[in-house]
């Protein structure tokens, strides 16, 4: 899934006046958090090369697109000072993001180097 697809979908759902670059910055914030979380459960270092790309591929697939969408919608609501809308959209975001984190952690348990001798 590409960044421009998420932004286009968001603009269709929630018309706004924010520039592509501002929405890109918001998405890059959550993408960095997602990638950092993924590295907690692997021995790989977080790759930040995507930050320099104009239209990068995002790490999550289409079935997890709502994480990006609700984050973007909540940032738009916050920037518009629509706090009741923000409270709703950030609640949706927090719920689906938390669910994704739990699912990811269950599927990617860290390897354990501890040996217990009895």
PDB file of N, CA and C in Angstrom:
ATOM      1  N   UNK A   1       0.849  -1.156   0.000  1.00  0.00           N
ATOM      2  CA  UNK A   1       0.000   0.000   0.000  1.00  0.00           C
ATOM      3  C   UNK A   1       0.906   1.234   0.000  1.00  0.00           C
ATOM      4  N   UNK A   2       0.528   2.201  -0.793  1.00  0.00           N
ATOM      5  CA  UNK A   2       1.343   3.412  -0.948  1.00  0.00           C
ATOM      6  C   UNK A   2       0.737   4.561  -0.151  1.00  0.00           C
ATOM      7  N   UNK A   3       1.582   5.480   0.225  1.00  0.00           N
ATOM      8  CA  UNK A   3       1.171   6.638   1.007  1.00  0.00           C
ATOM      9  C   UNK A   3       0.102   7.456   0.282  1.00  0.00           C
ATOM     10  N   UNK A   4       0.273   7.663  -1.007  1.00  0.00           N
ATOM     11  CA  UNK A   4      -0.688   8.474  -1.769  1.00  0.00           C
ATOM     12  C   UNK A   4      -2.084   7.842  -1.780  1.00  0.00           C
ATOM     13  N   UNK A   5      -2.162   6.517  -1.727  1.00  0.00           N
ATOM     14  CA  UNK A   5      -3.457   5.836  -1.695  1.00  0.00           C
ATOM     15  C   UNK A   5      -4.191   6.135  -0.385  1.00  0.00           C
ATOM     16  N   UNK A   6      -3.466   6.134   0.720  1.00  0.00           N
ATOM     17  CA  UNK A   6      -4.069   6.437   2.017  1.00  0.00           C
ATOM     18  C   UNK A   6      -4.567   7.870   2.047  1.00  0.00           C
ATOM     19  N   UNK A   7      -3.748   8.792   1.557  1.00  0.00           N
ATOM     20  CA  UNK A   7      -4.133  10.203   1.567  1.00  0.00           C
ATOM     21  C   UNK A   7      -5.346  10.436   0.669  1.00  0.00           C
ATOM     22  N   UNK A   8      -5.374   9.810  -0.490  1.00  0.00           N
ATOM     23  CA  UNK A   8      -6.529   9.958  -1.394  1.00  0.00           C
ATOM     24  C   UNK A   8      -7.795   9.402  -0.749  1.00  0.00           C
ATOM     25  N   UNK A   9      -7.688   8.250  -0.085  1.00  0.00           N
ATOM     26  CA  UNK A   9      -8.834   7.652   0.592  1.00  0.00           C
ATOM     27  C   UNK A   9      -9.319   8.552   1.723  1.00  0.00           C
ATOM     28  N   UNK A  10      -8.394   9.107   2.479  1.00  0.00           N
ATOM     29  CA  UNK A  10      -8.753  10.019   3.569  1.00  0.00           C
ATOM     30  C   UNK A  10      -9.452  11.268   3.025  1.00  0.00           C
ATOM     31  N   UNK A  11      -8.918  11.829   1.956  1.00  0.00           N
ATOM     32  CA  UNK A  11      -9.526  13.035   1.368  1.00  0.00           C
ATOM     33  C   UNK A  11     -10.937  12.765   0.871  1.00  0.00           C
ATOM     34  N   UNK A  12     -11.174  11.543   0.414  1.00  0.00           N
ATOM     35  CA  UNK A  12     -12.511  11.178  -0.026  1.00  0.00           C
ATOM     36  C   UNK A  12     -13.464  11.073   1.166  1.00  0.00           C
ATOM     37  N   UNK A  13     -12.986  10.493   2.276  1.00  0.00           N
ATOM     38  CA  UNK A  13     -13.821  10.309   3.462  1.00  0.00           C
ATOM     39  C   UNK A  13     -13.996  11.590   4.267  1.00  0.00           C
ATOM     40  N   UNK A  14     -12.945  12.397   4.340  1.00  0.00           N
ATOM     41  CA  UNK A  14     -12.968  13.601   5.158  1.00  0.00           C
ATOM     42  C   UNK A  14     -12.303  14.735   4.378  1.00  0.00           C
ATOM     43  N   UNK A  15     -13.088  15.471   3.614  1.00  0.00           N
ATOM     44  CA  UNK A  15     -12.523  16.594   2.849  1.00  0.00           C
ATOM     45  C   UNK A  15     -11.829  17.585   3.784  1.00  0.00           C
ATOM     46  N   UNK A  16     -10.687  18.082   3.336  1.00  0.00           N
ATOM     47  CA  UNK A  16      -9.903  18.993   4.166  1.00  0.00           C
ATOM     48  C   UNK A  16      -9.049  19.885   3.288  1.00  0.00           C
ATOM     49  N   UNK A  17      -8.420  20.861   3.908  1.00  0.00           N
ATOM     50  CA  UNK A  17      -7.601  21.818   3.158  1.00  0.00           C
ATOM     51  C   UNK A  17      -6.110  21.639   3.416  1.00  0.00           C
ATOM     52  N   UNK A  18      -5.733  20.586   4.101  1.00  0.00           N
ATOM     53  CA  UNK A  18      -4.324  20.377   4.418  1.00  0.00           C
ATOM     54  C   UNK A  18      -3.564  19.861   3.201  1.00  0.00           C
ATOM     55  N   UNK A  19      -2.311  20.286   3.102  1.00  0.00           N
ATOM     56  CA  UNK A  19      -1.495  19.918   1.944  1.00  0.00           C
ATOM     57  C   UNK A  19      -1.083  18.446   2.005  1.00  0.00           C
ATOM     58  N   UNK A  20      -0.678  17.943   0.856  1.00  0.00           N
ATOM     59  CA  UNK A  20      -0.185  16.576   0.767  1.00  0.00           C
ATOM     60  C   UNK A  20       1.015  16.394   1.683  1.00  0.00           C
ATOM     61  N   UNK A  21       1.906  17.388   1.723  1.00  0.00           N
ATOM     62  CA  UNK A  21       3.117  17.248   2.544  1.00  0.00           C
ATOM     63  C   UNK A  21       2.794  17.219   4.035  1.00  0.00           C
ATOM     64  N   UNK A  22       1.784  17.972   4.471  1.00  0.00           N
ATOM     65  CA  UNK A  22       1.404  17.925   5.880  1.00  0.00           C
ATOM     66  C   UNK A  22       0.824  16.556   6.231  1.00  0.00           C
ATOM     67  N   UNK A  23      -0.034  16.039   5.380  1.00  0.00           N
ATOM     68  CA  UNK A  23      -0.616  14.717   5.619  1.00  0.00           C
ATOM     69  C   UNK A  23       0.466  13.635   5.534  1.00  0.00           C
ATOM     70  N   UNK A  24       1.416  13.824   4.644  1.00  0.00           N
ATOM     71  CA  UNK A  24       2.540  12.882   4.548  1.00  0.00           C
ATOM     72  C   UNK A  24       3.319  12.879   5.859  1.00  0.00           C
ATOM     73  N   UNK A  25       3.573  14.042   6.438  1.00  0.00           N
ATOM     74  CA  UNK A  25       4.303  14.108   7.714  1.00  0.00           C
ATOM     75  C   UNK A  25       3.557  13.379   8.815  1.00  0.00           C
ATOM     76  N   UNK A  26       2.256  13.538   8.862  1.00  0.00           N
ATOM     77  CA  UNK A  26       1.465  12.840   9.872  1.00  0.00           C
ATOM     78  C   UNK A  26       1.564  11.320   9.692  1.00  0.00           C
ATOM     79  N   UNK A  27       1.435  10.877   8.452  1.00  0.00           N
ATOM     80  CA  UNK A  27       1.522   9.438   8.173  1.00  0.00           C
ATOM     81  C   UNK A  27       2.926   8.916   8.489  1.00  0.00           C
ATOM     82  N   UNK A  28       3.934   9.688   8.182  1.00  0.00           N
ATOM     83  CA  UNK A  28       5.307   9.260   8.456  1.00  0.00           C
ATOM     84  C   UNK A  28       5.546   9.113   9.966  1.00  0.00           C
ATOM     85  N   UNK A  29       4.887   9.924  10.773  1.00  0.00           N
ATOM     86  CA  UNK A  29       5.009   9.782  12.225  1.00  0.00           C
ATOM     87  C   UNK A  29       4.503   8.419  12.690  1.00  0.00           C
ATOM     88  N   UNK A  30       3.311   8.051  12.244  1.00  0.00           N
ATOM     89  CA  UNK A  30       2.755   6.773  12.685  1.00  0.00           C
ATOM     90  C   UNK A  30       3.506   5.608  12.030  1.00  0.00           C
ATOM     91  N   UNK A  31       3.955   5.790  10.803  1.00  0.00           N
ATOM     92  CA  UNK A  31       4.728   4.738  10.132  1.00  0.00           C
ATOM     93  C   UNK A  31       6.040   4.484  10.875  1.00  0.00           C
ATOM     94  N   UNK A  32       6.679   5.533  11.335  1.00  0.00           N
ATOM     95  CA  UNK A  32       7.912   5.370  12.115  1.00  0.00           C
ATOM     96  C   UNK A  32       7.638   4.614  13.407  1.00  0.00           C
ATOM     97  N   UNK A  33       6.537   4.953  14.075  1.00  0.00           N
ATOM     98  CA  UNK A  33       6.171   4.244  15.300  1.00  0.00           C
ATOM     99  C   UNK A  33       5.905   2.765  15.032  1.00  0.00           C
ATOM    100  N   UNK A  34       5.201   2.481  13.945  1.00  0.00           N
ATOM    101  CA  UNK A  34       4.888   1.090  13.590  1.00  0.00           C
ATOM    102  C   UNK A  34       6.174   0.317  13.308  1.00  0.00           C
ATOM    103  N   UNK A  35       7.063   0.910  12.545  1.00  0.00           N
ATOM    104  CA  UNK A  35       8.319   0.223  12.215  1.00  0.00           C
ATOM    105  C   UNK A  35       9.192   0.037  13.457  1.00  0.00           C
ATOM    106  N   UNK A  36       9.206   1.029  14.333  1.00  0.00           N
ATOM    107  CA  UNK A  36       9.962   0.884  15.579  1.00  0.00           C
ATOM    108  C   UNK A  36       9.382  -0.237  16.434  1.00  0.00           C
ATOM    109  N   UNK A  37       8.067  -0.337  16.486  1.00  0.00           N
ATOM    110  CA  UNK A  37       7.434  -1.410  17.250  1.00  0.00           C
ATOM    111  C   UNK A  37       7.797  -2.773  16.666  1.00  0.00           C
ATOM    112  N   UNK A  38       7.801  -2.866  15.358  1.00  0.00           N
ATOM    113  CA  UNK A  38       8.148  -4.136  14.711  1.00  0.00           C
ATOM    114  C   UNK A  38       9.581  -4.554  15.031  1.00  0.00           C
ATOM    115  N   UNK A  39      10.484  -3.597  15.158  1.00  0.00           N
ATOM    116  CA  UNK A  39      11.873  -3.943  15.449  1.00  0.00           C
ATOM    117  C   UNK A  39      12.069  -4.405  16.888  1.00  0.00           C
ATOM    118  N   UNK A  40      11.122  -4.099  17.758  1.00  0.00           N
ATOM    119  CA  UNK A  40      11.217  -4.590  19.131  1.00  0.00           C
ATOM    120  C   UNK A  40      11.190  -6.115  19.183  1.00  0.00           C
ATOM    121  N   UNK A  41      10.548  -6.735  18.203  1.00  0.00           N
ATOM    122  CA  UNK A  41      10.365  -8.181  18.193  1.00  0.00           C
ATOM    123  C   UNK A  41      11.168  -8.870  17.093  1.00  0.00           C
ATOM    124  N   UNK A  42      12.215  -8.201  16.649  1.00  0.00           N
ATOM    125  CA  UNK A  42      13.128  -8.819  15.690  1.00  0.00           C
ATOM    126  C   UNK A  42      14.533  -8.308  15.989  1.00  0.00           C
ATOM    127  N   UNK A  43      15.509  -8.905  15.352  1.00  0.00           N
ATOM    128  CA  UNK A  43      16.887  -8.492  15.566  1.00  0.00           C
ATOM    129  C   UNK A  43      17.331  -7.485  14.506  1.00  0.00           C
ATOM    130  N   UNK A  44      16.392  -6.986  13.737  1.00  0.00           N
ATOM    131  CA  UNK A  44      16.716  -6.014  12.700  1.00  0.00           C
ATOM    132  C   UNK A  44      16.643  -4.601  13.263  1.00  0.00           C
ATOM    133  N   UNK A  45      17.403  -3.708  12.656  1.00  0.00           N
ATOM    134  CA  UNK A  45      17.343  -2.307  13.037  1.00  0.00           C
ATOM    135  C   UNK A  45      16.231  -1.632  12.247  1.00  0.00           C
ATOM    136  N   UNK A  46      15.691  -0.577  12.819  1.00  0.00           N
ATOM    137  CA  UNK A  46      14.625   0.161  12.146  1.00  0.00           C
ATOM    138  C   UNK A  46      15.186   0.874  10.919  1.00  0.00           C
ATOM    139  N   UNK A  47      14.544   0.681   9.787  1.00  0.00           N
ATOM    140  CA  UNK A  47      14.971   1.277   8.527  1.00  0.00           C
ATOM    141  C   UNK A  47      14.184   2.562   8.303  1.00  0.00           C
ATOM    142  N   UNK A  48      14.866   3.697   8.257  1.00  0.00           N
ATOM    143  CA  UNK A  48      14.201   5.002   8.093  1.00  0.00           C
ATOM    144  C   UNK A  48      14.396   5.581   6.693  1.00  0.00           C
ATOM    145  N   UNK A  49      14.816   4.758   5.734  1.00  0.00           N
ATOM    146  CA  UNK A  49      15.015   5.242   4.368  1.00  0.00           C
ATOM    147  C   UNK A  49      13.709   5.723   3.748  1.00  0.00           C
ATOM    148  N   UNK A  50      12.593   5.134   4.181  1.00  0.00           N
ATOM    149  CA  UNK A  50      11.297   5.493   3.612  1.00  0.00           C
ATOM    150  C   UNK A  50      10.954   6.959   3.852  1.00  0.00           C
ATOM    151  N   UNK A  51      11.546   7.582   4.866  1.00  0.00           N
ATOM    152  CA  UNK A  51      11.245   8.980   5.178  1.00  0.00           C
ATOM    153  C   UNK A  51      11.664   9.923   4.055  1.00  0.00           C
ATOM    154  N   UNK A  52      12.633   9.513   3.251  1.00  0.00           N
ATOM    155  CA  UNK A  52      13.142  10.365   2.171  1.00  0.00           C
ATOM    156  C   UNK A  52      12.427  10.133   0.842  1.00  0.00           C
ATOM    157  N   UNK A  53      11.546   9.160   0.782  1.00  0.00           N
ATOM    158  CA  UNK A  53      10.838   8.863  -0.458  1.00  0.00           C
ATOM    159  C   UNK A  53       9.594   9.743  -0.578  1.00  0.00           C
ATOM    160  N   UNK A  54       9.222  10.059  -1.797  1.00  0.00           N
ATOM    161  CA  UNK A  54       8.044  10.905  -2.027  1.00  0.00           C
ATOM    162  C   UNK A  54       6.746  10.146  -1.781  1.00  0.00           C
ATOM    163  N   UNK A  55       6.679   8.905  -2.266  1.00  0.00           N
ATOM    164  CA  UNK A  55       5.461   8.098  -2.131  1.00  0.00           C
ATOM    165  C   UNK A  55       5.844   6.675  -1.723  1.00  0.00           C
ATOM    166  N   UNK A  56       6.269   6.508  -0.461  1.00  0.00           N
ATOM    167  CA  UNK A  56       6.788   5.198  -0.046  1.00  0.00           C
ATOM    168  C   UNK A  56       5.705   4.137   0.113  1.00  0.00           C
ATOM    169  N   UNK A  57       6.146   2.890   0.040  1.00  0.00           N
ATOM    170  CA  UNK A  57       5.287   1.765   0.410  1.00  0.00           C
ATOM    171  C   UNK A  57       5.212   1.740   1.927  1.00  0.00           C
ATOM    172  N   UNK A  58       4.017   1.593   2.456  1.00  0.00           N
ATOM    173  CA  UNK A  58       3.837   1.525   3.893  1.00  0.00           C
ATOM    174  C   UNK A  58       3.941   0.074   4.340  1.00  0.00           C
ATOM    175  N   UNK A  59       4.330  -0.125   5.571  1.00  0.00           N
ATOM    176  CA  UNK A  59       4.632  -1.470   6.062  1.00  0.00           C
ATOM    177  C   UNK A  59       3.378  -2.329   6.233  1.00  0.00           C
ATOM    178  N   UNK A  60       2.261  -1.727   6.595  1.00  0.00           N
ATOM    179  CA  UNK A  60       1.035  -2.495   6.802  1.00  0.00           C
ATOM    180  C   UNK A  60       0.300  -2.678   5.486  1.00  0.00           C
ATOM    181  N   UNK A  61      -0.410  -3.783   5.351  1.00  0.00           N
ATOM    182  CA  UNK A  61      -1.129  -4.048   4.112  1.00  0.00           C
ATOM    183  C   UNK A  61      -2.533  -3.438   4.144  1.00  0.00           C
ATOM    184  N   UNK A  62      -3.300  -3.687   3.088  1.00  0.00           N
ATOM    185  CA  UNK A  62      -4.612  -3.074   2.919  1.00  0.00           C
ATOM    186  C   UNK A  62      -5.597  -3.410   4.040  1.00  0.00           C
ATOM    187  N   UNK A  63      -5.481  -4.581   4.618  1.00  0.00           N
ATOM    188  CA  UNK A  63      -6.430  -4.959   5.661  1.00  0.00           C
ATOM    189  C   UNK A  63      -6.206  -4.165   6.951  1.00  0.00           C
ATOM    190  N   UNK A  64      -5.071  -3.524   7.092  1.00  0.00           N
ATOM    191  CA  UNK A  64      -4.779  -2.687   8.266  1.00  0.00           C
ATOM    192  C   UNK A  64      -4.772  -1.202   7.907  1.00  0.00           C
ATOM    193  N   UNK A  65      -5.352  -0.867   6.770  1.00  0.00           N
ATOM    194  CA  UNK A  65      -5.378   0.509   6.279  1.00  0.00           C
ATOM    195  C   UNK A  65      -6.062   1.467   7.255  1.00  0.00           C
ATOM    196  N   UNK A  66      -7.012   0.978   8.035  1.00  0.00           N
ATOM    197  CA  UNK A  66      -7.746   1.831   8.969  1.00  0.00           C
ATOM    198  C   UNK A  66      -6.835   2.475  10.006  1.00  0.00           C
ATOM    199  N   UNK A  67      -5.749   1.840  10.343  1.00  0.00           N
ATOM    200  CA  UNK A  67      -4.814   2.437  11.301  1.00  0.00           C
ATOM    201  C   UNK A  67      -4.313   3.771  10.762  1.00  0.00           C
ATOM    202  N   UNK A  68      -3.880   3.776   9.509  1.00  0.00           N
ATOM    203  CA  UNK A  68      -3.408   5.016   8.895  1.00  0.00           C
ATOM    204  C   UNK A  68      -4.553   6.017   8.725  1.00  0.00           C
ATOM    205  N   UNK A  69      -5.690   5.530   8.273  1.00  0.00           N
ATOM    206  CA  UNK A  69      -6.822   6.416   8.019  1.00  0.00           C
ATOM    207  C   UNK A  69      -7.298   7.129   9.278  1.00  0.00           C
ATOM    208  N   UNK A  70      -7.512   6.364  10.337  1.00  0.00           N
ATOM    209  CA  UNK A  70      -8.007   7.001  11.562  1.00  0.00           C
ATOM    210  C   UNK A  70      -6.962   7.894  12.213  1.00  0.00           C
ATOM    211  N   UNK A  71      -5.695   7.569  12.047  1.00  0.00           N
ATOM    212  CA  UNK A  71      -4.664   8.474  12.558  1.00  0.00           C
ATOM    213  C   UNK A  71      -4.710   9.788  11.804  1.00  0.00           C
ATOM    214  N   UNK A  72      -4.797   9.704  10.486  1.00  0.00           N
ATOM    215  CA  UNK A  72      -4.843  10.905   9.658  1.00  0.00           C
ATOM    216  C   UNK A  72      -6.101  11.725   9.945  1.00  0.00           C
ATOM    217  N   UNK A  73      -7.237  11.064  10.057  1.00  0.00           N
ATOM    218  CA  UNK A  73      -8.491  11.758  10.360  1.00  0.00           C
ATOM    219  C   UNK A  73      -8.413  12.421  11.730  1.00  0.00           C
ATOM    220  N   UNK A  74      -7.839  11.735  12.711  1.00  0.00           N
ATOM    221  CA  UNK A  74      -7.738  12.330  14.040  1.00  0.00           C
ATOM    222  C   UNK A  74      -6.807  13.540  14.040  1.00  0.00           C
ATOM    223  N   UNK A  75      -5.739  13.500  13.254  1.00  0.00           N
ATOM    224  CA  UNK A  75      -4.836  14.653  13.180  1.00  0.00           C
ATOM    225  C   UNK A  75      -5.516  15.842  12.495  1.00  0.00           C
ATOM    226  N   UNK A  76      -6.336  15.557  11.494  1.00  0.00           N
ATOM    227  CA  UNK A  76      -7.097  16.626  10.838  1.00  0.00           C
ATOM    228  C   UNK A  76      -8.084  17.244  11.828  1.00  0.00           C
ATOM    229  N   UNK A  77      -8.800  16.403  12.565  1.00  0.00           N
ATOM    230  CA  UNK A  77      -9.750  16.904  13.561  1.00  0.00           C
ATOM    231  C   UNK A  77      -9.050  17.739  14.630  1.00  0.00           C
ATOM    232  N   UNK A  78      -7.920  17.273  15.095  1.00  0.00           N
ATOM    233  CA  UNK A  78      -7.166  18.016  16.106  1.00  0.00           C
ATOM    234  C   UNK A  78      -6.700  19.360  15.560  1.00  0.00           C
ATOM    235  N   UNK A  79      -6.179  19.360  14.350  1.00  0.00           N
ATOM    236  CA  UNK A  79      -5.699  20.604  13.740  1.00  0.00           C
ATOM    237  C   UNK A  79      -6.832  21.587  13.468  1.00  0.00           C
ATOM    238  N   UNK A  80      -8.007  21.061  13.193  1.00  0.00           N
ATOM    239  CA  UNK A  80      -9.181  21.914  12.982  1.00  0.00           C
ATOM    240  C   UNK A  80      -9.818  22.363  14.295  1.00  0.00           C
ATOM    241  N   UNK A  81      -9.274  21.903  15.403  1.00  0.00           N
ATOM    242  CA  UNK A  81      -9.790  22.196  16.741  1.00  0.00           C
ATOM    243  C   UNK A  81     -11.232  21.712  16.911  1.00  0.00           C
ATOM    244  N   UNK A  82     -11.525  20.600  16.272  1.00  0.00           N
ATOM    245  CA  UNK A  82     -12.820  19.939  16.416  1.00  0.00           C
ATOM    246  C   UNK A  82     -12.630  18.823  17.439  1.00  0.00           C
ATOM    247  N   UNK A  83     -12.653  19.210  18.703  1.00  0.00           N
ATOM    248  CA  UNK A  83     -12.222  18.297  19.752  1.00  0.00           C
ATOM    249  C   UNK A  83     -13.173  17.122  19.980  1.00  0.00           C
ATOM    250  N   UNK A  84     -14.456  17.327  19.814  1.00  0.00           N
ATOM    251  CA  UNK A  84     -15.371  16.193  19.979  1.00  0.00           C
ATOM    252  C   UNK A  84     -15.165  15.179  18.845  1.00  0.00           C
ATOM    253  N   UNK A  85     -14.935  15.662  17.633  1.00  0.00           N
ATOM    254  CA  UNK A  85     -14.627  14.766  16.513  1.00  0.00           C
ATOM    255  C   UNK A  85     -13.288  14.074  16.745  1.00  0.00           C
ATOM    256  N   UNK A  86     -12.324  14.857  17.249  1.00  0.00           N
ATOM    257  CA  UNK A  86     -11.003  14.295  17.537  1.00  0.00           C
ATOM    258  C   UNK A  86     -11.100  13.182  18.571  1.00  0.00           C
ATOM    259  N   UNK A  87     -11.863  13.400  19.622  1.00  0.00           N
ATOM    260  CA  UNK A  87     -12.001  12.373  20.656  1.00  0.00           C
ATOM    261  C   UNK A  87     -12.540  11.073  20.077  1.00  0.00           C
ATOM    262  N   UNK A  88     -13.492  11.176  19.181  1.00  0.00           N
ATOM    263  CA  UNK A  88     -14.047   9.980  18.547  1.00  0.00           C
ATOM    264  C   UNK A  88     -13.031   9.307  17.624  1.00  0.00           C
ATOM    265  N   UNK A  89     -12.428  10.091  16.763  1.00  0.00           N
ATOM    266  CA  UNK A  89     -11.514   9.494  15.784  1.00  0.00           C
ATOM    267  C   UNK A  89     -10.257   8.933  16.450  1.00  0.00           C
ATOM    268  N   UNK A  90      -9.753   9.613  17.481  1.00  0.00           N
ATOM    269  CA  UNK A  90      -8.557   9.087  18.148  1.00  0.00           C
ATOM    270  C   UNK A  90      -8.902   7.848  18.973  1.00  0.00           C
ATOM    271  N   UNK A  91     -10.128   7.751  19.451  1.00  0.00           N
ATOM    272  CA  UNK A  91     -10.551   6.536  20.154  1.00  0.00           C
ATOM    273  C   UNK A  91     -10.571   5.346  19.204  1.00  0.00           C
ATOM    274  N   UNK A  92     -11.124   5.556  18.013  1.00  0.00           N
ATOM    275  CA  UNK A  92     -11.103   4.487  17.004  1.00  0.00           C
ATOM    276  C   UNK A  92      -9.661   4.108  16.677  1.00  0.00           C
ATOM    277  N   UNK A  93      -8.820   5.120  16.460  1.00  0.00           N
ATOM    278  CA  UNK A  93      -7.419   4.855  16.140  1.00  0.00           C
ATOM    279  C   UNK A  93      -6.745   4.063  17.253  1.00  0.00           C
ATOM    280  N   UNK A  94      -6.874   4.525  18.484  1.00  0.00           N
ATOM    281  CA  UNK A  94      -6.215   3.852  19.606  1.00  0.00           C
ATOM    282  C   UNK A  94      -6.669   2.403  19.741  1.00  0.00           C
ATOM    283  N   UNK A  95      -7.934   2.162  19.506  1.00  0.00           N
ATOM    284  CA  UNK A  95      -8.468   0.808  19.618  1.00  0.00           C
ATOM    285  C   UNK A  95      -7.870  -0.120  18.550  1.00  0.00           C
ATOM    286  N   UNK A  96      -7.897   0.298  17.299  1.00  0.00           N
ATOM    287  CA  UNK A  96      -7.396  -0.580  16.241  1.00  0.00           C
ATOM    288  C   UNK A  96      -5.872  -0.677  16.265  1.00  0.00           C
ATOM    289  N   UNK A  97      -5.203   0.388  16.701  1.00  0.00           N
ATOM    290  CA  UNK A  97      -3.739   0.336  16.813  1.00  0.00           C
ATOM    291  C   UNK A  97      -3.320  -0.596  17.941  1.00  0.00           C
ATOM    292  N   UNK A  98      -4.019  -0.520  19.047  1.00  0.00           N
ATOM    293  CA  UNK A  98      -3.742  -1.408  20.169  1.00  0.00           C
ATOM    294  C   UNK A  98      -4.000  -2.868  19.789  1.00  0.00           C
ATOM    295  N   UNK A  99      -5.101  -3.122  19.081  1.00  0.00           N
ATOM    296  CA  UNK A  99      -5.394  -4.479  18.619  1.00  0.00           C
ATOM    297  C   UNK A  99      -4.304  -4.993  17.689  1.00  0.00           C
ATOM    298  N   UNK A 100      -3.817  -4.136  16.782  1.00  0.00           N
ATOM    299  CA  UNK A 100      -2.765  -4.549  15.873  1.00  0.00           C
ATOM    300  C   UNK A 100      -1.495  -4.886  16.647  1.00  0.00           C
ATOM    301  N   UNK A 101      -1.144  -4.049  17.630  1.00  0.00           N
ATOM    302  CA  UNK A 101       0.060  -4.303  18.432  1.00  0.00           C
ATOM    303  C   UNK A 101      -0.027  -5.654  19.149  1.00  0.00           C
ATOM    304  N   UNK A 102      -1.194  -5.941  19.721  1.00  0.00           N
ATOM    305  CA  UNK A 102      -1.370  -7.224  20.416  1.00  0.00           C
ATOM    306  C   UNK A 102      -1.241  -8.387  19.437  1.00  0.00           C
ATOM    307  N   UNK A 103      -1.870  -8.252  18.292  1.00  0.00           N
ATOM    308  CA  UNK A 103      -1.815  -9.297  17.266  1.00  0.00           C
ATOM    309  C   UNK A 103      -0.380  -9.492  16.772  1.00  0.00           C
ATOM    310  N   UNK A 104       0.325  -8.402  16.546  1.00  0.00           N
ATOM    311  CA  UNK A 104       1.700  -8.482  16.060  1.00  0.00           C
ATOM    312  C   UNK A 104       2.594  -9.150  17.100  1.00  0.00           C
ATOM    313  N   UNK A 105       2.414  -8.762  18.354  1.00  0.00           N
ATOM    314  CA  UNK A 105       3.251  -9.332  19.409  1.00  0.00           C
ATOM    315  C   UNK A 105       3.006 -10.836  19.562  1.00  0.00           C
ATOM    316  N   UNK A 106       1.744 -11.261  19.468  1.00  0.00           N
ATOM    317  CA  UNK A 106       1.442 -12.699  19.551  1.00  0.00           C
ATOM    318  C   UNK A 106       2.089 -13.469  18.411  1.00  0.00           C
ATOM    319  N   UNK A 107       2.096 -12.869  17.223  1.00  0.00           N
ATOM    320  CA  UNK A 107       2.629 -13.556  16.048  1.00  0.00           C
ATOM    321  C   UNK A 107       4.153 -13.487  15.952  1.00  0.00           C
ATOM    322  N   UNK A 108       4.761 -12.528  16.636  1.00  0.00           N
ATOM    323  CA  UNK A 108       6.205 -12.324  16.511  1.00  0.00           C
ATOM    324  C   UNK A 108       6.868 -12.282  17.886  1.00  0.00           C
ATOM    325  N   UNK A 109       6.681 -13.318  18.647  1.00  0.00           N
ATOM    326  CA  UNK A 109       7.303 -13.388  19.971  1.00  0.00           C
ATOM    327  C   UNK A 109       8.817 -13.332  19.816  1.00  0.00           C
ATOM    328  N   UNK A 110       9.477 -12.580  20.679  1.00  0.00           N
ATOM    329  CA  UNK A 110      10.946 -12.515  20.570  1.00  0.00           C
ATOM    330  C   UNK A 110      11.572 -13.853  20.938  1.00  0.00           C
ATOM    331  N   UNK A 111      12.707 -14.105  20.314  1.00  0.00           N
ATOM    332  CA  UNK A 111      13.421 -15.332  20.631  1.00  0.00           C
ATOM    333  C   UNK A 111      14.039 -15.206  22.010  1.00  0.00           C
ATOM    334  N   UNK A 112      14.006 -16.256  22.730  1.00  0.00           N
ATOM    335  CA  UNK A 112      14.526 -16.246  24.086  1.00  0.00           C
ATOM    336  C   UNK A 112      15.848 -16.995  24.129  1.00  0.00           C
ATOM    337  N   UNK A 113      16.864 -16.347  24.675  1.00  0.00           N
ATOM    338  CA  UNK A 113      18.183 -16.956  24.797  1.00  0.00           C
ATOM    339  C   UNK A 113      18.431 -17.514  26.198  1.00  0.00           C
ATOM    340  N   UNK A 114      17.430 -17.480  27.026  1.00  0.00           N
ATOM    341  CA  UNK A 114      17.585 -17.926  28.400  1.00  0.00           C
ATOM    342  C   UNK A 114      17.399 -19.444  28.484  1.00  0.00           C
ATOM    343  N   UNK A 115      18.302 -20.079  29.163  1.00  0.00           N
ATOM    344  CA  UNK A 115      18.228 -21.522  29.392  1.00  0.00           C
ATOM    345  C   UNK A 115      18.053 -21.733  30.891  1.00  0.00           C
ATOM    346  N   UNK A 116      17.038 -22.465  31.255  1.00  0.00           N
ATOM    347  CA  UNK A 116      16.783 -22.753  32.667  1.00  0.00           C
ATOM    348  C   UNK A 116      17.193 -24.194  32.939  1.00  0.00           C
ATOM    349  N   UNK A 117      18.122 -24.351  33.876  1.00  0.00           N
ATOM    350  CA  UNK A 117      18.581 -25.690  34.246  1.00  0.00           C
ATOM    351  C   UNK A 117      17.888 -26.066  35.542  1.00  0.00           C
ATOM    352  N   UNK A 118      17.392 -27.258  35.568  1.00  0.00           N
ATOM    353  CA  UNK A 118      16.702 -27.753  36.777  1.00  0.00           C
ATOM    354  C   UNK A 118      17.563 -28.762  37.474  1.00  0.00           C
TER     355      UNK A 118
END
